[in-house]
Amino acid sequence: MGVAALWFIGLLVVIIDIAATVDVIRRPDLRGGAKVLWVLLILILPVLGVIAYVIARPALVDYGENREEAKKAASEAASERARDRARDLGPTDT
C-alpha cells in the first residue's frame, strides 16, 4: 500500500471522527457527562470509538427547532429499548 493510500485512509478517519464528534455535541438527548465520554472515546480510539458510537446511538433524533419534542422522542425510544430488553431477558428470580 502506497504512502498516498495511507494518507487518504488517515484523512478519511479524521473526517469521520470530526463528523461523529459534531454529532455527539449536537445531540439533544445526551447530557454533559455522556457527551464528554463519547468524545473522549472517539478521540482515544478513533476507529473503534466511532463504530461503538454508531452502533450504540439512538437512530431517531430530530435536530429541528423543537428540541423538547426531540428529547421526548429520544426518551420514549430509550424506554422502548429498555422494555424490549427486559422482555427478552424474561422474568428474574430475585
PDB file of N, CA and C in Angstrom:
ATOM      1  N   MET A   1       0.858  -1.169   0.000  1.00  0.00           N
ATOM      2  CA  MET A   1       0.000   0.000   0.000  1.00  0.00           C
ATOM      3  C   MET A   1       0.901   1.228   0.000  1.00  0.00           C
ATOM      4  N   GLY A   2       0.597   2.142  -0.875  1.00  0.00           N
ATOM      5  CA  GLY A   2       1.436   3.319  -1.019  1.00  0.00           C
ATOM      6  C   GLY A   2       1.186   4.361   0.064  1.00  0.00           C
ATOM      7  N   VAL A   3       2.101   5.303   0.091  1.00  0.00           N
ATOM      8  CA  VAL A   3       2.007   6.388   1.076  1.00  0.00           C
ATOM      9  C   VAL A   3       0.745   7.219   0.832  1.00  0.00           C
ATOM     10  N   ALA A   4       0.381   7.434  -0.413  1.00  0.00           N
ATOM     11  CA  ALA A   4      -0.809   8.216  -0.739  1.00  0.00           C
ATOM     12  C   ALA A   4      -2.068   7.532  -0.215  1.00  0.00           C
ATOM     13  N   ALA A   5      -2.123   6.225  -0.321  1.00  0.00           N
ATOM     14  CA  ALA A   5      -3.288   5.488   0.174  1.00  0.00           C
ATOM     15  C   ALA A   5      -3.391   5.587   1.691  1.00  0.00           C
ATOM     16  N   LEU A   6      -2.241   5.517   2.372  1.00  0.00           N
ATOM     17  CA  LEU A   6      -2.254   5.648   3.834  1.00  0.00           C
ATOM     18  C   LEU A   6      -2.706   7.046   4.252  1.00  0.00           C
ATOM     19  N   TRP A   7      -2.242   8.073   3.539  1.00  0.00           N
ATOM     20  CA  TRP A   7      -2.690   9.431   3.831  1.00  0.00           C
ATOM     21  C   TRP A   7      -4.187   9.565   3.605  1.00  0.00           C
ATOM     22  N   PHE A   8      -4.685   8.960   2.528  1.00  0.00           N
ATOM     23  CA  PHE A   8      -6.124   9.024   2.237  1.00  0.00           C
ATOM     24  C   PHE A   8      -6.928   8.347   3.337  1.00  0.00           C
ATOM     25  N   ILE A   9      -6.492   7.178   3.791  1.00  0.00           N
ATOM     26  CA  ILE A   9      -7.194   6.465   4.867  1.00  0.00           C
ATOM     27  C   ILE A   9      -7.137   7.272   6.157  1.00  0.00           C
ATOM     28  N   GLY A  10      -5.991   7.852   6.457  1.00  0.00           N
ATOM     29  CA  GLY A  10      -5.862   8.688   7.654  1.00  0.00           C
ATOM     30  C   GLY A  10      -6.773   9.902   7.593  1.00  0.00           C
ATOM     31  N   LEU A  11      -6.821  10.549   6.438  1.00  0.00           N
ATOM     32  CA  LEU A  11      -7.700  11.703   6.264  1.00  0.00           C
ATOM     33  C   LEU A  11      -9.166  11.301   6.400  1.00  0.00           C
ATOM     34  N   LEU A  12      -9.524  10.158   5.847  1.00  0.00           N
ATOM     35  CA  LEU A  12     -10.888   9.660   5.950  1.00  0.00           C
ATOM     36  C   LEU A  12     -11.270   9.396   7.412  1.00  0.00           C
ATOM     37  N   VAL A  13     -10.362   8.810   8.180  1.00  0.00           N
ATOM     38  CA  VAL A  13     -10.617   8.552   9.605  1.00  0.00           C
ATOM     39  C   VAL A  13     -10.816   9.867  10.356  1.00  0.00           C
ATOM     40  N   VAL A  14      -9.983  10.861  10.057  1.00  0.00           N
ATOM     41  CA  VAL A  14     -10.104  12.161  10.723  1.00  0.00           C
ATOM     42  C   VAL A  14     -11.437  12.815  10.394  1.00  0.00           C
ATOM     43  N   ILE A  15     -11.856  12.774   9.139  1.00  0.00           N
ATOM     44  CA  ILE A  15     -13.130  13.373   8.735  1.00  0.00           C
ATOM     45  C   ILE A  15     -14.303  12.673   9.431  1.00  0.00           C
ATOM     46  N   ILE A  16     -14.273  11.350   9.469  1.00  0.00           N
ATOM     47  CA  ILE A  16     -15.346  10.601  10.127  1.00  0.00           C
ATOM     48  C   ILE A  16     -15.359  10.890  11.622  1.00  0.00           C
ATOM     49  N   ASP A  17     -14.190  10.998  12.247  1.00  0.00           N
ATOM     50  CA  ASP A  17     -14.118  11.329  13.674  1.00  0.00           C
ATOM     51  C   ASP A  17     -14.688  12.710  13.954  1.00  0.00           C
ATOM     52  N   ILE A  18     -14.379  13.675  13.104  1.00  0.00           N
ATOM     53  CA  ILE A  18     -14.919  15.028  13.279  1.00  0.00           C
ATOM     54  C   ILE A  18     -16.437  15.008  13.143  1.00  0.00           C
ATOM     55  N   ALA A  19     -16.949  14.282  12.157  1.00  0.00           N
ATOM     56  CA  ALA A  19     -18.393  14.198  11.964  1.00  0.00           C
ATOM     57  C   ALA A  19     -19.075  13.542  13.167  1.00  0.00           C
ATOM     58  N   ALA A  20     -18.480  12.490  13.692  1.00  0.00           N
ATOM     59  CA  ALA A  20     -19.058  11.819  14.860  1.00  0.00           C
ATOM     60  C   ALA A  20     -19.008  12.723  16.088  1.00  0.00           C
ATOM     61  N   THR A  21     -17.916  13.452  16.262  1.00  0.00           N
ATOM     62  CA  THR A  21     -17.793  14.369  17.397  1.00  0.00           C
ATOM     63  C   THR A  21     -18.834  15.481  17.309  1.00  0.00           C
ATOM     64  N   VAL A  22     -19.029  16.032  16.131  1.00  0.00           N
ATOM     65  CA  VAL A  22     -20.054  17.066  15.934  1.00  0.00           C
ATOM     66  C   VAL A  22     -21.438  16.486  16.232  1.00  0.00           C
ATOM     67  N   ASP A  23     -21.692  15.260  15.795  1.00  0.00           N
ATOM     68  CA  ASP A  23     -22.980  14.621  16.065  1.00  0.00           C
ATOM     69  C   ASP A  23     -23.196  14.446  17.562  1.00  0.00           C
ATOM     70  N   VAL A  24     -22.164  14.035  18.280  1.00  0.00           N
ATOM     71  CA  VAL A  24     -22.272  13.867  19.735  1.00  0.00           C
ATOM     72  C   VAL A  24     -22.599  15.205  20.385  1.00  0.00           C
ATOM     73  N   ILE A  25     -21.907  16.247  19.993  1.00  0.00           N
ATOM     74  CA  ILE A  25     -22.099  17.558  20.609  1.00  0.00           C
ATOM     75  C   ILE A  25     -23.489  18.110  20.319  1.00  0.00           C
ATOM     76  N   ARG A  26     -24.025  17.860  19.134  1.00  0.00           N
ATOM     77  CA  ARG A  26     -25.332  18.407  18.753  1.00  0.00           C
ATOM     78  C   ARG A  26     -26.521  17.626  19.295  1.00  0.00           C
ATOM     79  N   ARG A  27     -26.314  16.420  19.779  1.00  0.00           N
ATOM     80  CA  ARG A  27     -27.435  15.577  20.205  1.00  0.00           C
ATOM     81  C   ARG A  27     -28.125  16.153  21.432  1.00  0.00           C
ATOM     82  N   PRO A  28     -29.432  16.392  21.341  1.00  0.00           N
ATOM     83  CA  PRO A  28     -30.158  16.943  22.488  1.00  0.00           C
ATOM     84  C   PRO A  28     -30.460  15.894  23.553  1.00  0.00           C
ATOM     85  N   ASP A  29     -30.364  14.615  23.220  1.00  0.00           N
ATOM     86  CA  ASP A  29     -30.717  13.571  24.185  1.00  0.00           C
ATOM     87  C   ASP A  29     -29.539  13.150  25.058  1.00  0.00           C
ATOM     88  N   LEU A  30     -28.340  13.628  24.784  1.00  0.00           N
ATOM     89  CA  LEU A  30     -27.175  13.311  25.612  1.00  0.00           C
ATOM     90  C   LEU A  30     -26.886  14.478  26.540  1.00  0.00           C
ATOM     91  N   ARG A  31     -26.569  14.166  27.772  1.00  0.00           N
ATOM     92  CA  ARG A  31     -26.208  15.192  28.752  1.00  0.00           C
ATOM     93  C   ARG A  31     -24.697  15.379  28.761  1.00  0.00           C
ATOM     94  N   GLY A  32     -24.216  16.311  29.554  1.00  0.00           N
ATOM     95  CA  GLY A  32     -22.810  16.691  29.585  1.00  0.00           C
ATOM     96  C   GLY A  32     -21.834  15.556  29.787  1.00  0.00           C
ATOM     97  N   GLY A  33     -22.064  14.730  30.823  1.00  0.00           N
ATOM     98  CA  GLY A  33     -21.140  13.641  31.113  1.00  0.00           C
ATOM     99  C   GLY A  33     -21.082  12.613  30.001  1.00  0.00           C
ATOM    100  N   ALA A  34     -22.226  12.276  29.450  1.00  0.00           N
ATOM    101  CA  ALA A  34     -22.261  11.301  28.357  1.00  0.00           C
ATOM    102  C   ALA A  34     -21.570  11.856  27.113  1.00  0.00           C
ATOM    103  N   LYS A  35     -21.782  13.145  26.856  1.00  0.00           N
ATOM    104  CA  LYS A  35     -21.123  13.754  25.697  1.00  0.00           C
ATOM    105  C   LYS A  35     -19.611  13.702  25.858  1.00  0.00           C
ATOM    106  N   VAL A  36     -19.124  14.035  27.042  1.00  0.00           N
ATOM    107  CA  VAL A  36     -17.679  14.028  27.285  1.00  0.00           C
ATOM    108  C   VAL A  36     -17.115  12.626  27.095  1.00  0.00           C
ATOM    109  N   LEU A  37     -17.810  11.615  27.629  1.00  0.00           N
ATOM    110  CA  LEU A  37     -17.320  10.240  27.496  1.00  0.00           C
ATOM    111  C   LEU A  37     -17.286   9.789  26.042  1.00  0.00           C
ATOM    112  N   TRP A  38     -18.324  10.110  25.276  1.00  0.00           N
ATOM    113  CA  TRP A  38     -18.335   9.722  23.864  1.00  0.00           C
ATOM    114  C   TRP A  38     -17.218  10.419  23.096  1.00  0.00           C
ATOM    115  N   VAL A  39     -17.035  11.730  23.350  1.00  0.00           N
ATOM    116  CA  VAL A  39     -15.987  12.460  22.639  1.00  0.00           C
ATOM    117  C   VAL A  39     -14.614  11.891  22.990  1.00  0.00           C
ATOM    118  N   LEU A  40     -14.380  11.597  24.267  1.00  0.00           N
ATOM    119  CA  LEU A  40     -13.103  11.010  24.665  1.00  0.00           C
ATOM    120  C   LEU A  40     -12.889   9.648  24.007  1.00  0.00           C
ATOM    121  N   LEU A  41     -13.935   8.824  23.969  1.00  0.00           N
ATOM    122  CA  LEU A  41     -13.817   7.513  23.328  1.00  0.00           C
ATOM    123  C   LEU A  41     -13.483   7.662  21.850  1.00  0.00           C
ATOM    124  N   ILE A  42     -14.132   8.606  21.192  1.00  0.00           N
ATOM    125  CA  ILE A  42     -13.878   8.824  19.766  1.00  0.00           C
ATOM    126  C   ILE A  42     -12.466   9.342  19.537  1.00  0.00           C
ATOM    127  N   LEU A  43     -11.972  10.203  20.425  1.00  0.00           N
ATOM    128  CA  LEU A  43     -10.628  10.751  20.244  1.00  0.00           C
ATOM    129  C   LEU A  43      -9.538   9.757  20.622  1.00  0.00           C
ATOM    130  N   ILE A  44      -9.766   8.949  21.659  1.00  0.00           N
ATOM    131  CA  ILE A  44      -8.744   7.998  22.104  1.00  0.00           C
ATOM    132  C   ILE A  44      -8.679   6.782  21.185  1.00  0.00           C
ATOM    133  N   LEU A  45      -9.830   6.255  20.798  1.00  0.00           N
ATOM    134  CA  LEU A  45      -9.896   5.105  19.891  1.00  0.00           C
ATOM    135  C   LEU A  45     -10.677   5.518  18.644  1.00  0.00           C
ATOM    136  N   PRO A  46     -10.045   6.184  17.698  1.00  0.00           N
ATOM    137  CA  PRO A  46     -10.775   6.793  16.580  1.00  0.00           C
ATOM    138  C   PRO A  46     -11.683   5.835  15.803  1.00  0.00           C
ATOM    139  N   VAL A  47     -11.167   4.708  15.385  1.00  0.00           N
ATOM    140  CA  VAL A  47     -11.974   3.802  14.567  1.00  0.00           C
ATOM    141  C   VAL A  47     -12.975   3.046  15.439  1.00  0.00           C
ATOM    142  N   LEU A  48     -12.506   2.428  16.513  1.00  0.00           N
ATOM    143  CA  LEU A  48     -13.401   1.657  17.382  1.00  0.00           C
ATOM    144  C   LEU A  48     -14.421   2.556  18.082  1.00  0.00           C
ATOM    145  N   GLY A  49     -14.012   3.761  18.459  1.00  0.00           N
ATOM    146  CA  GLY A  49     -14.932   4.688  19.114  1.00  0.00           C
ATOM    147  C   GLY A  49     -16.086   5.083  18.217  1.00  0.00           C
ATOM    148  N   VAL A  50     -15.793   5.362  16.956  1.00  0.00           N
ATOM    149  CA  VAL A  50     -16.852   5.728  16.006  1.00  0.00           C
ATOM    150  C   VAL A  50     -17.766   4.535  15.753  1.00  0.00           C
ATOM    151  N   ILE A  51     -17.199   3.357  15.607  1.00  0.00           N
ATOM    152  CA  ILE A  51     -18.024   2.162  15.386  1.00  0.00           C
ATOM    153  C   ILE A  51     -18.941   1.928  16.583  1.00  0.00           C
ATOM    154  N   ALA A  52     -18.407   2.033  17.796  1.00  0.00           N
ATOM    155  CA  ALA A  52     -19.231   1.851  19.001  1.00  0.00           C
ATOM    156  C   ALA A  52     -20.319   2.910  19.075  1.00  0.00           C
ATOM    157  N   TYR A  53     -19.983   4.153  18.736  1.00  0.00           N
ATOM    158  CA  TYR A  53     -20.977   5.235  18.793  1.00  0.00           C
ATOM    159  C   TYR A  53     -22.097   5.006  17.789  1.00  0.00           C
ATOM    160  N   VAL A  54     -21.735   4.620  16.580  1.00  0.00           N
ATOM    161  CA  VAL A  54     -22.757   4.394  15.545  1.00  0.00           C
ATOM    162  C   VAL A  54     -23.681   3.242  15.943  1.00  0.00           C
ATOM    163  N   ILE A  55     -23.136   2.212  16.570  1.00  0.00           N
ATOM    164  CA  ILE A  55     -23.957   1.076  16.995  1.00  0.00           C
ATOM    165  C   ILE A  55     -24.839   1.450  18.185  1.00  0.00           C
ATOM    166  N   ALA A  56     -24.299   2.216  19.134  1.00  0.00           N
ATOM    167  CA  ALA A  56     -24.998   2.475  20.394  1.00  0.00           C
ATOM    168  C   ALA A  56     -25.986   3.634  20.339  1.00  0.00           C
ATOM    169  N   ARG A  57     -25.822   4.564  19.446  1.00  0.00           N
ATOM    170  CA  ARG A  57     -26.666   5.754  19.479  1.00  0.00           C
ATOM    171  C   ARG A  57     -28.077   5.455  18.979  1.00  0.00           C
ATOM    172  N   PRO A  58     -29.061   6.165  19.525  1.00  0.00           N
ATOM    173  CA  PRO A  58     -30.429   6.001  19.018  1.00  0.00           C
ATOM    174  C   PRO A  58     -30.516   6.457  17.561  1.00  0.00           C
ATOM    175  N   ALA A  59     -31.348   5.791  16.808  1.00  0.00           N
ATOM    176  CA  ALA A  59     -31.432   6.086  15.382  1.00  0.00           C
ATOM    177  C   ALA A  59     -32.184   7.374  15.091  1.00  0.00           C
ATOM    178  N   LEU A  60     -33.178   7.722  15.895  1.00  0.00           N
ATOM    179  CA  LEU A  60     -34.046   8.844  15.581  1.00  0.00           C
ATOM    180  C   LEU A  60     -33.768  10.011  16.511  1.00  0.00           C
ATOM    181  N   VAL A  61     -33.232  11.080  15.956  1.00  0.00           N
ATOM    182  CA  VAL A  61     -33.069  12.318  16.706  1.00  0.00           C
ATOM    183  C   VAL A  61     -33.411  13.450  15.761  1.00  0.00           C
ATOM    184  N   ASP A  62     -34.344  14.298  16.178  1.00  0.00           N
ATOM    185  CA  ASP A  62     -34.751  15.446  15.378  1.00  0.00           C
ATOM    186  C   ASP A  62     -33.916  16.645  15.803  1.00  0.00           C
ATOM    187  N   TYR A  63     -33.151  17.186  14.884  1.00  0.00           N
ATOM    188  CA  TYR A  63     -32.342  18.352  15.190  1.00  0.00           C
ATOM    189  C   TYR A  63     -33.085  19.639  14.841  1.00  0.00           C
ATOM    190  N   GLY A  64     -34.373  19.544  14.651  1.00  0.00           N
ATOM    191  CA  GLY A  64     -35.166  20.696  14.250  1.00  0.00           C
ATOM    192  C   GLY A  64     -35.290  21.740  15.344  1.00  0.00           C
ATOM    193  N   GLU A  65     -36.232  22.627  15.133  1.00  0.00           N
ATOM    194  CA  GLU A  65     -36.407  23.747  16.042  1.00  0.00           C
ATOM    195  C   GLU A  65     -36.998  23.332  17.381  1.00  0.00           C
ATOM    196  N   ASN A  66     -37.794  22.285  17.396  1.00  0.00           N
ATOM    197  CA  ASN A  66     -38.479  21.896  18.626  1.00  0.00           C
ATOM    198  C   ASN A  66     -37.658  20.844  19.369  1.00  0.00           C
ATOM    199  N   ARG A  67     -36.733  21.293  20.196  1.00  0.00           N
ATOM    200  CA  ARG A  67     -35.832  20.386  20.913  1.00  0.00           C
ATOM    201  C   ARG A  67     -36.558  19.589  21.989  1.00  0.00           C
ATOM    202  N   GLU A  68     -37.597  20.145  22.558  1.00  0.00           N
ATOM    203  CA  GLU A  68     -38.324  19.425  23.609  1.00  0.00           C
ATOM    204  C   GLU A  68     -38.986  18.166  23.050  1.00  0.00           C
ATOM    205  N   GLU A  69     -39.556  18.260  21.868  1.00  0.00           N
ATOM    206  CA  GLU A  69     -40.151  17.077  21.251  1.00  0.00           C
ATOM    207  C   GLU A  69     -39.067  16.055  20.891  1.00  0.00           C
ATOM    208  N   ALA A  70     -37.906  16.535  20.471  1.00  0.00           N
ATOM    209  CA  ALA A  70     -36.796  15.632  20.154  1.00  0.00           C
ATOM    210  C   ALA A  70     -36.348  14.890  21.404  1.00  0.00           C
ATOM    211  N   LYS A  71     -36.257  15.603  22.531  1.00  0.00           N
ATOM    212  CA  LYS A  71     -35.868  14.956  23.789  1.00  0.00           C
ATOM    213  C   LYS A  71     -36.916  13.935  24.207  1.00  0.00           C
ATOM    214  N   LYS A  72     -38.194  14.288  24.044  1.00  0.00           N
ATOM    215  CA  LYS A  72     -39.275  13.376  24.405  1.00  0.00           C
ATOM    216  C   LYS A  72     -39.230  12.120  23.530  1.00  0.00           C
ATOM    217  N   ALA A  73     -39.014  12.294  22.221  1.00  0.00           N
ATOM    218  CA  ALA A  73     -38.941  11.145  21.310  1.00  0.00           C
ATOM    219  C   ALA A  73     -37.761  10.250  21.654  1.00  0.00           C
ATOM    220  N   ALA A  74     -36.629  10.856  21.979  1.00  0.00           N
ATOM    221  CA  ALA A  74     -35.454  10.064  22.349  1.00  0.00           C
ATOM    222  C   ALA A  74     -35.698   9.315  23.653  1.00  0.00           C
ATOM    223  N   SER A  75     -36.370   9.963  24.602  1.00  0.00           N
ATOM    224  CA  SER A  75     -36.685   9.317  25.874  1.00  0.00           C
ATOM    225  C   SER A  75     -37.638   8.140  25.666  1.00  0.00           C
ATOM    226  N   GLU A  76     -38.636   8.331  24.821  1.00  0.00           N
ATOM    227  CA  GLU A  76     -39.572   7.246  24.531  1.00  0.00           C
ATOM    228  C   GLU A  76     -38.862   6.080  23.845  1.00  0.00           C
ATOM    229  N   ALA A  77     -37.937   6.387  22.932  1.00  0.00           N
ATOM    230  CA  ALA A  77     -37.195   5.329  22.252  1.00  0.00           C
ATOM    231  C   ALA A  77     -36.343   4.547  23.246  1.00  0.00           C
ATOM    232  N   ALA A  78     -35.729   5.262  24.199  1.00  0.00           N
ATOM    233  CA  ALA A  78     -34.919   4.594  25.217  1.00  0.00           C
ATOM    234  C   ALA A  78     -35.803   3.718  26.101  1.00  0.00           C
ATOM    235  N   SER A  79     -36.991   4.192  26.433  1.00  0.00           N
ATOM    236  CA  SER A  79     -37.920   3.397  27.246  1.00  0.00           C
ATOM    237  C   SER A  79     -38.337   2.130  26.511  1.00  0.00           C
ATOM    238  N   GLU A  80     -38.599   2.272  25.215  1.00  0.00           N
ATOM    239  CA  GLU A  80     -38.990   1.102  24.422  1.00  0.00           C
ATOM    240  C   GLU A  80     -37.855   0.082  24.358  1.00  0.00           C
ATOM    241  N   ARG A  81     -36.615   0.563  24.188  1.00  0.00           N
ATOM    242  CA  ARG A  81     -35.485  -0.366  24.156  1.00  0.00           C
ATOM    243  C   ARG A  81     -35.323  -1.083  25.494  1.00  0.00           C
ATOM    244  N   ALA A  82     -35.490  -0.352  26.591  1.00  0.00           N
ATOM    245  CA  ALA A  82     -35.369  -0.966  27.919  1.00  0.00           C
ATOM    246  C   ALA A  82     -36.477  -1.991  28.130  1.00  0.00           C
ATOM    247  N   ARG A  83     -37.684  -1.669  27.704  1.00  0.00           N
ATOM    248  CA  ARG A  83     -38.805  -2.595  27.843  1.00  0.00           C
ATOM    249  C   ARG A  83     -38.566  -3.854  26.998  1.00  0.00           C
ATOM    250  N   ASP A  84     -38.080  -3.663  25.769  1.00  0.00           N
ATOM    251  CA  ASP A  84     -37.789  -4.810  24.904  1.00  0.00           C
ATOM    252  C   ASP A  84     -36.681  -5.674  25.490  1.00  0.00           C
ATOM    253  N   ARG A  85     -35.656  -5.030  26.047  1.00  0.00           N
ATOM    254  CA  ARG A  85     -34.550  -5.768  26.658  1.00  0.00           C
ATOM    255  C   ARG A  85     -35.055  -6.576  27.846  1.00  0.00           C
ATOM    256  N   ALA A  86     -35.918  -5.981  28.659  1.00  0.00           N
ATOM    257  CA  ALA A  86     -36.469  -6.681  29.817  1.00  0.00           C
ATOM    258  C   ALA A  86     -37.343  -7.857  29.364  1.00  0.00           C
ATOM    259  N   ARG A  87     -38.089  -7.650  28.302  1.00  0.00           N
ATOM    260  CA  ARG A  87     -38.937  -8.721  27.776  1.00  0.00           C
ATOM    261  C   ARG A  87     -38.081  -9.867  27.257  1.00  0.00           C
ATOM    262  N   ASP A  88     -36.983  -9.538  26.568  1.00  0.00           N
ATOM    263  CA  ASP A  88     -36.105 -10.557  26.004  1.00  0.00           C
ATOM    264  C   ASP A  88     -35.408 -11.363  27.109  1.00  0.00           C
ATOM    265  N   LEU A  89     -35.072 -10.689  28.207  1.00  0.00           N
ATOM    266  CA  LEU A  89     -34.399 -11.391  29.302  1.00  0.00           C
ATOM    267  C   LEU A  89     -35.349 -12.265  30.087  1.00  0.00           C
ATOM    268  N   GLY A  90     -36.607 -11.919  30.100  1.00  0.00           N
ATOM    269  CA  GLY A  90     -37.611 -12.704  30.827  1.00  0.00           C
ATOM    270  C   GLY A  90     -37.627 -12.350  32.306  1.00  0.00           C
ATOM    271  N   PRO A  91     -38.484 -13.021  33.053  1.00  0.00           N
ATOM    272  CA  PRO A  91     -38.570 -12.729  34.496  1.00  0.00           C
ATOM    273  C   PRO A  91     -37.305 -13.192  35.213  1.00  0.00           C
ATOM    274  N   THR A  92     -36.928 -12.412  36.216  1.00  0.00           N
ATOM    275  CA  THR A  92     -35.750 -12.764  37.007  1.00  0.00           C
ATOM    276  C   THR A  92     -36.190 -13.308  38.334  1.00  0.00           C
ATOM    277  N   ASP A  93     -35.411 -14.207  38.882  1.00  0.00           N
ATOM    278  CA  ASP A  93     -35.709 -14.804  40.177  1.00  0.00           C
ATOM    279  C   ASP A  93     -34.908 -14.070  41.244  1.00  0.00           C
ATOM    280  N   THR A  94     -35.506 -13.021  41.820  1.00  0.00           N
ATOM    281  CA  THR A  94     -34.807 -12.280  42.872  1.00  0.00           C
ATOM    282  C   THR A  94     -35.614 -12.274  44.138  1.00  0.00           C
TER     283      THR A  94
END
